[in-house]
Amino acid sequence: MKVNNTCVGCGQCAAYCPYDAIIVFGRAGMNEKCIECGTCVRYCPVSAIAEE
């Protein structure tokens, strides 16, 4: 998953991530737990996350 500059750091992606793979510090970023399931993409209110 890739996070673009429209990320506002709201944390919705992290709240819904079933693998606890997202860290939000200013803006979202994925850690090594990410299996690219796409849950974060569905819950991002500003469409800032996309599959690579």
PDB file of N, CA and C in Angstrom:
ATOM      1  N   MET A   1       0.839  -1.174   0.000  1.00  0.00           N
ATOM      2  CA  MET A   1       0.000   0.000   0.000  1.00  0.00           C
ATOM      3  C   MET A   1       0.890   1.244   0.000  1.00  0.00           C
ATOM      4  N   LYS A   2       0.396   2.263  -0.635  1.00  0.00           N
ATOM      5  CA  LYS A   2       1.135   3.515  -0.723  1.00  0.00           C
ATOM      6  C   LYS A   2       0.230   4.651  -0.267  1.00  0.00           C
ATOM      7  N   VAL A   3       0.761   5.524   0.569  1.00  0.00           N
ATOM      8  CA  VAL A   3       0.019   6.678   1.079  1.00  0.00           C
ATOM      9  C   VAL A   3       0.502   7.917   0.345  1.00  0.00           C
ATOM     10  N   ASN A   4      -0.443   8.686  -0.214  1.00  0.00           N
ATOM     11  CA  ASN A   4      -0.043   9.896  -0.929  1.00  0.00           C
ATOM     12  C   ASN A   4      -0.177  11.134  -0.038  1.00  0.00           C
ATOM     13  N   ASN A   5       0.125  12.293  -0.579  1.00  0.00           N
ATOM     14  CA  ASN A   5       0.160  13.532   0.194  1.00  0.00           C
ATOM     15  C   ASN A   5      -1.197  14.062   0.626  1.00  0.00           C
ATOM     16  N   THR A   6      -2.288  13.446   0.182  1.00  0.00           N
ATOM     17  CA  THR A   6      -3.609  13.920   0.622  1.00  0.00           C
ATOM     18  C   THR A   6      -3.980  13.380   1.994  1.00  0.00           C
ATOM     19  N   CYS A   7      -3.170  12.500   2.561  1.00  0.00           N
ATOM     20  CA  CYS A   7      -3.424  11.958   3.897  1.00  0.00           C
ATOM     21  C   CYS A   7      -3.468  13.096   4.911  1.00  0.00           C
ATOM     22  N   VAL A   8      -4.534  13.106   5.707  1.00  0.00           N
ATOM     23  CA  VAL A   8      -4.704  14.151   6.720  1.00  0.00           C
ATOM     24  C   VAL A   8      -4.386  13.642   8.123  1.00  0.00           C
ATOM     25  N   GLY A   9      -3.973  12.381   8.242  1.00  0.00           N
ATOM     26  CA  GLY A   9      -3.590  11.824   9.531  1.00  0.00           C
ATOM     27  C   GLY A   9      -4.752  11.565  10.463  1.00  0.00           C
ATOM     28  N   CYS A  10      -5.934  11.305   9.918  1.00  0.00           N
ATOM     29  CA  CYS A  10      -7.134  11.128  10.746  1.00  0.00           C
ATOM     30  C   CYS A  10      -7.133   9.831  11.554  1.00  0.00           C
ATOM     31  N   GLY A  11      -6.422   8.823  11.079  1.00  0.00           N
ATOM     32  CA  GLY A  11      -6.329   7.556  11.793  1.00  0.00           C
ATOM     33  C   GLY A  11      -7.415   6.539  11.490  1.00  0.00           C
ATOM     34  N   GLN A  12      -8.318   6.851  10.573  1.00  0.00           N
ATOM     35  CA  GLN A  12      -9.378   5.896  10.225  1.00  0.00           C
ATOM     36  C   GLN A  12      -8.783   4.595   9.696  1.00  0.00           C
ATOM     37  N   CYS A  13      -7.781   4.685   8.878  1.00  0.00           N
ATOM     38  CA  CYS A  13      -7.152   3.484   8.323  1.00  0.00           C
ATOM     39  C   CYS A  13      -6.588   2.599   9.435  1.00  0.00           C
ATOM     40  N   ALA A  14      -5.923   3.204  10.389  1.00  0.00           N
ATOM     41  CA  ALA A  14      -5.338   2.455  11.495  1.00  0.00           C
ATOM     42  C   ALA A  14      -6.410   1.841  12.380  1.00  0.00           C
ATOM     43  N   ALA A  15      -7.498   2.546  12.573  1.00  0.00           N
ATOM     44  CA  ALA A  15      -8.583   2.046  13.422  1.00  0.00           C
ATOM     45  C   ALA A  15      -9.218   0.788  12.840  1.00  0.00           C
ATOM     46  N   TYR A  16      -9.269   0.676  11.530  1.00  0.00           N
ATOM     47  CA  TYR A  16      -9.919  -0.461  10.886  1.00  0.00           C
ATOM     48  C   TYR A  16      -8.962  -1.545  10.416  1.00  0.00           C
ATOM     49  N   CYS A  17      -7.682  -1.320  10.499  1.00  0.00           N
ATOM     50  CA  CYS A  17      -6.707  -2.309  10.033  1.00  0.00           C
ATOM     51  C   CYS A  17      -6.760  -3.563  10.921  1.00  0.00           C
ATOM     52  N   PRO A  18      -7.101  -4.727  10.335  1.00  0.00           N
ATOM     53  CA  PRO A  18      -7.201  -5.946  11.133  1.00  0.00           C
ATOM     54  C   PRO A  18      -5.844  -6.518  11.560  1.00  0.00           C
ATOM     55  N   TYR A  19      -4.765  -6.000  11.028  1.00  0.00           N
ATOM     56  CA  TYR A  19      -3.433  -6.509  11.326  1.00  0.00           C
ATOM     57  C   TYR A  19      -2.581  -5.537  12.138  1.00  0.00           C
ATOM     58  N   ASP A  20      -3.178  -4.418  12.546  1.00  0.00           N
ATOM     59  CA  ASP A  20      -2.455  -3.409  13.328  1.00  0.00           C
ATOM     60  C   ASP A  20      -1.161  -3.015  12.605  1.00  0.00           C
ATOM     61  N   ALA A  21      -1.292  -2.795  11.294  1.00  0.00           N
ATOM     62  CA  ALA A  21      -0.120  -2.567  10.451  1.00  0.00           C
ATOM     63  C   ALA A  21       0.081  -1.113  10.041  1.00  0.00           C
ATOM     64  N   ILE A  22      -0.697  -0.196  10.628  1.00  0.00           N
ATOM     65  CA  ILE A  22      -0.598   1.204  10.222  1.00  0.00           C
ATOM     66  C   ILE A  22      -0.220   2.066  11.411  1.00  0.00           C
ATOM     67  N   ILE A  23       0.757   2.906  11.197  1.00  0.00           N
ATOM     68  CA  ILE A  23       1.199   3.863  12.202  1.00  0.00           C
ATOM     69  C   ILE A  23       0.906   5.250  11.653  1.00  0.00           C
ATOM     70  N   VAL A  24       0.240   6.073  12.462  1.00  0.00           N
ATOM     71  CA  VAL A  24      -0.080   7.430  12.024  1.00  0.00           C
ATOM     72  C   VAL A  24       0.744   8.399  12.855  1.00  0.00           C
ATOM     73  N   PHE A  25       1.650   9.080  12.201  1.00  0.00           N
ATOM     74  CA  PHE A  25       2.481  10.110  12.830  1.00  0.00           C
ATOM     75  C   PHE A  25       2.568  11.237  11.822  1.00  0.00           C
ATOM     76  N   GLY A  26       1.625  12.154  11.884  1.00  0.00           N
ATOM     77  CA  GLY A  26       1.526  13.199  10.878  1.00  0.00           C
ATOM     78  C   GLY A  26       0.715  12.711   9.695  1.00  0.00           C
ATOM     79  N   ARG A  27       1.149  11.600   9.124  1.00  0.00           N
ATOM     80  CA  ARG A  27       0.369  10.916   8.098  1.00  0.00           C
ATOM     81  C   ARG A  27       0.607   9.419   8.239  1.00  0.00           C
ATOM     82  N   ALA A  28      -0.244   8.637   7.626  1.00  0.00           N
ATOM     83  CA  ALA A  28      -0.200   7.185   7.787  1.00  0.00           C
ATOM     84  C   ALA A  28       1.010   6.566   7.105  1.00  0.00           C
ATOM     85  N   GLY A  29       1.442   5.456   7.647  1.00  0.00           N
ATOM     86  CA  GLY A  29       2.500   4.658   7.054  1.00  0.00           C
ATOM     87  C   GLY A  29       2.317   3.208   7.456  1.00  0.00           C
ATOM     88  N   MET A  30       2.652   2.285   6.573  1.00  0.00           N
ATOM     89  CA  MET A  30       2.495   0.870   6.850  1.00  0.00           C
ATOM     90  C   MET A  30       3.776   0.287   7.409  1.00  0.00           C
ATOM     91  N   ASN A  31       3.624  -0.676   8.316  1.00  0.00           N
ATOM     92  CA  ASN A  31       4.796  -1.371   8.817  1.00  0.00           C
ATOM     93  C   ASN A  31       4.854  -2.773   8.214  1.00  0.00           C
ATOM     94  N   GLU A  32       5.759  -3.603   8.696  1.00  0.00           N
ATOM     95  CA  GLU A  32       5.986  -4.918   8.100  1.00  0.00           C
ATOM     96  C   GLU A  32       4.823  -5.889   8.282  1.00  0.00           C
ATOM     97  N   LYS A  33       3.851  -5.565   9.130  1.00  0.00           N
ATOM     98  CA  LYS A  33       2.686  -6.424   9.340  1.00  0.00           C
ATOM     99  C   LYS A  33       1.670  -6.322   8.198  1.00  0.00           C
ATOM    100  N   CYS A  34       1.797  -5.312   7.353  1.00  0.00           N
ATOM    101  CA  CYS A  34       0.839  -5.085   6.273  1.00  0.00           C
ATOM    102  C   CYS A  34       0.867  -6.239   5.269  1.00  0.00           C
ATOM    103  N   ILE A  35      -0.313  -6.836   5.023  1.00  0.00           N
ATOM    104  CA  ILE A  35      -0.421  -7.906   4.029  1.00  0.00           C
ATOM    105  C   ILE A  35      -1.174  -7.420   2.786  1.00  0.00           C
ATOM    106  N   GLU A  36      -1.398  -6.116   2.714  1.00  0.00           N
ATOM    107  CA  GLU A  36      -2.080  -5.472   1.586  1.00  0.00           C
ATOM    108  C   GLU A  36      -3.487  -6.036   1.361  1.00  0.00           C
ATOM    109  N   CYS A  37      -4.254  -6.135   2.454  1.00  0.00           N
ATOM    110  CA  CYS A  37      -5.618  -6.659   2.366  1.00  0.00           C
ATOM    111  C   CYS A  37      -6.596  -5.636   1.790  1.00  0.00           C
ATOM    112  N   GLY A  38      -6.252  -4.350   1.844  1.00  0.00           N
ATOM    113  CA  GLY A  38      -7.091  -3.310   1.254  1.00  0.00           C
ATOM    114  C   GLY A  38      -8.121  -2.690   2.178  1.00  0.00           C
ATOM    115  N   THR A  39      -8.183  -3.134   3.419  1.00  0.00           N
ATOM    116  CA  THR A  39      -9.156  -2.565   4.352  1.00  0.00           C
ATOM    117  C   THR A  39      -8.926  -1.074   4.528  1.00  0.00           C
ATOM    118  N   CYS A  40      -7.704  -0.650   4.638  1.00  0.00           N
ATOM    119  CA  CYS A  40      -7.389   0.765   4.822  1.00  0.00           C
ATOM    120  C   CYS A  40      -7.873   1.605   3.646  1.00  0.00           C
ATOM    121  N   VAL A  41      -7.757   1.056   2.449  1.00  0.00           N
ATOM    122  CA  VAL A  41      -8.191   1.770   1.246  1.00  0.00           C
ATOM    123  C   VAL A  41      -9.681   2.083   1.331  1.00  0.00           C
ATOM    124  N   ARG A  42     -10.466   1.111   1.770  1.00  0.00           N
ATOM    125  CA  ARG A  42     -11.927   1.283   1.854  1.00  0.00           C
ATOM    126  C   ARG A  42     -12.345   2.312   2.891  1.00  0.00           C
ATOM    127  N   TYR A  43     -11.583   2.450   3.977  1.00  0.00           N
ATOM    128  CA  TYR A  43     -11.984   3.335   5.063  1.00  0.00           C
ATOM    129  C   TYR A  43     -11.329   4.716   5.047  1.00  0.00           C
ATOM    130  N   CYS A  44     -10.423   4.978   4.130  1.00  0.00           N
ATOM    131  CA  CYS A  44      -9.785   6.296   4.059  1.00  0.00           C
ATOM    132  C   CYS A  44     -10.773   7.327   3.500  1.00  0.00           C
ATOM    133  N   PRO A  45     -11.116   8.359   4.285  1.00  0.00           N
ATOM    134  CA  PRO A  45     -12.107   9.330   3.849  1.00  0.00           C
ATOM    135  C   PRO A  45     -11.629  10.281   2.740  1.00  0.00           C
ATOM    136  N   VAL A  46     -10.313  10.341   2.518  1.00  0.00           N
ATOM    137  CA  VAL A  46      -9.790  11.249   1.499  1.00  0.00           C
ATOM    138  C   VAL A  46      -9.086  10.496   0.362  1.00  0.00           C
ATOM    139  N   SER A  47      -9.275   9.188   0.310  1.00  0.00           N
ATOM    140  CA  SER A  47      -8.686   8.342  -0.737  1.00  0.00           C
ATOM    141  C   SER A  47      -7.172   8.534  -0.869  1.00  0.00           C
ATOM    142  N   ALA A  48      -6.489   8.563   0.255  1.00  0.00           N
ATOM    143  CA  ALA A  48      -5.052   8.803   0.256  1.00  0.00           C
ATOM    144  C   ALA A  48      -4.227   7.527   0.155  1.00  0.00           C
ATOM    145  N   ILE A  49      -4.877   6.368   0.220  1.00  0.00           N
ATOM    146  CA  ILE A  49      -4.146   5.104   0.189  1.00  0.00           C
ATOM    147  C   ILE A  49      -4.529   4.335  -1.071  1.00  0.00           C
ATOM    148  N   ALA A  50      -3.525   3.798  -1.735  1.00  0.00           N
ATOM    149  CA  ALA A  50      -3.761   3.020  -2.944  1.00  0.00           C
ATOM    150  C   ALA A  50      -2.858   1.804  -2.961  1.00  0.00           C
ATOM    151  N   GLU A  51      -3.281   0.795  -3.683  1.00  0.00           N
ATOM    152  CA  GLU A  51      -2.434  -0.380  -3.861  1.00  0.00           C
ATOM    153  C   GLU A  51      -1.297  -0.012  -4.794  1.00  0.00           C
ATOM    154  N   GLU A  52      -0.123  -0.526  -4.502  1.00  0.00           N
ATOM    155  CA  GLU A  52       1.042  -0.212  -5.337  1.00  0.00           C
ATOM    156  C   GLU A  52       1.011  -0.983  -6.616  1.00  0.00           C
TER     157      GLU A  52
END
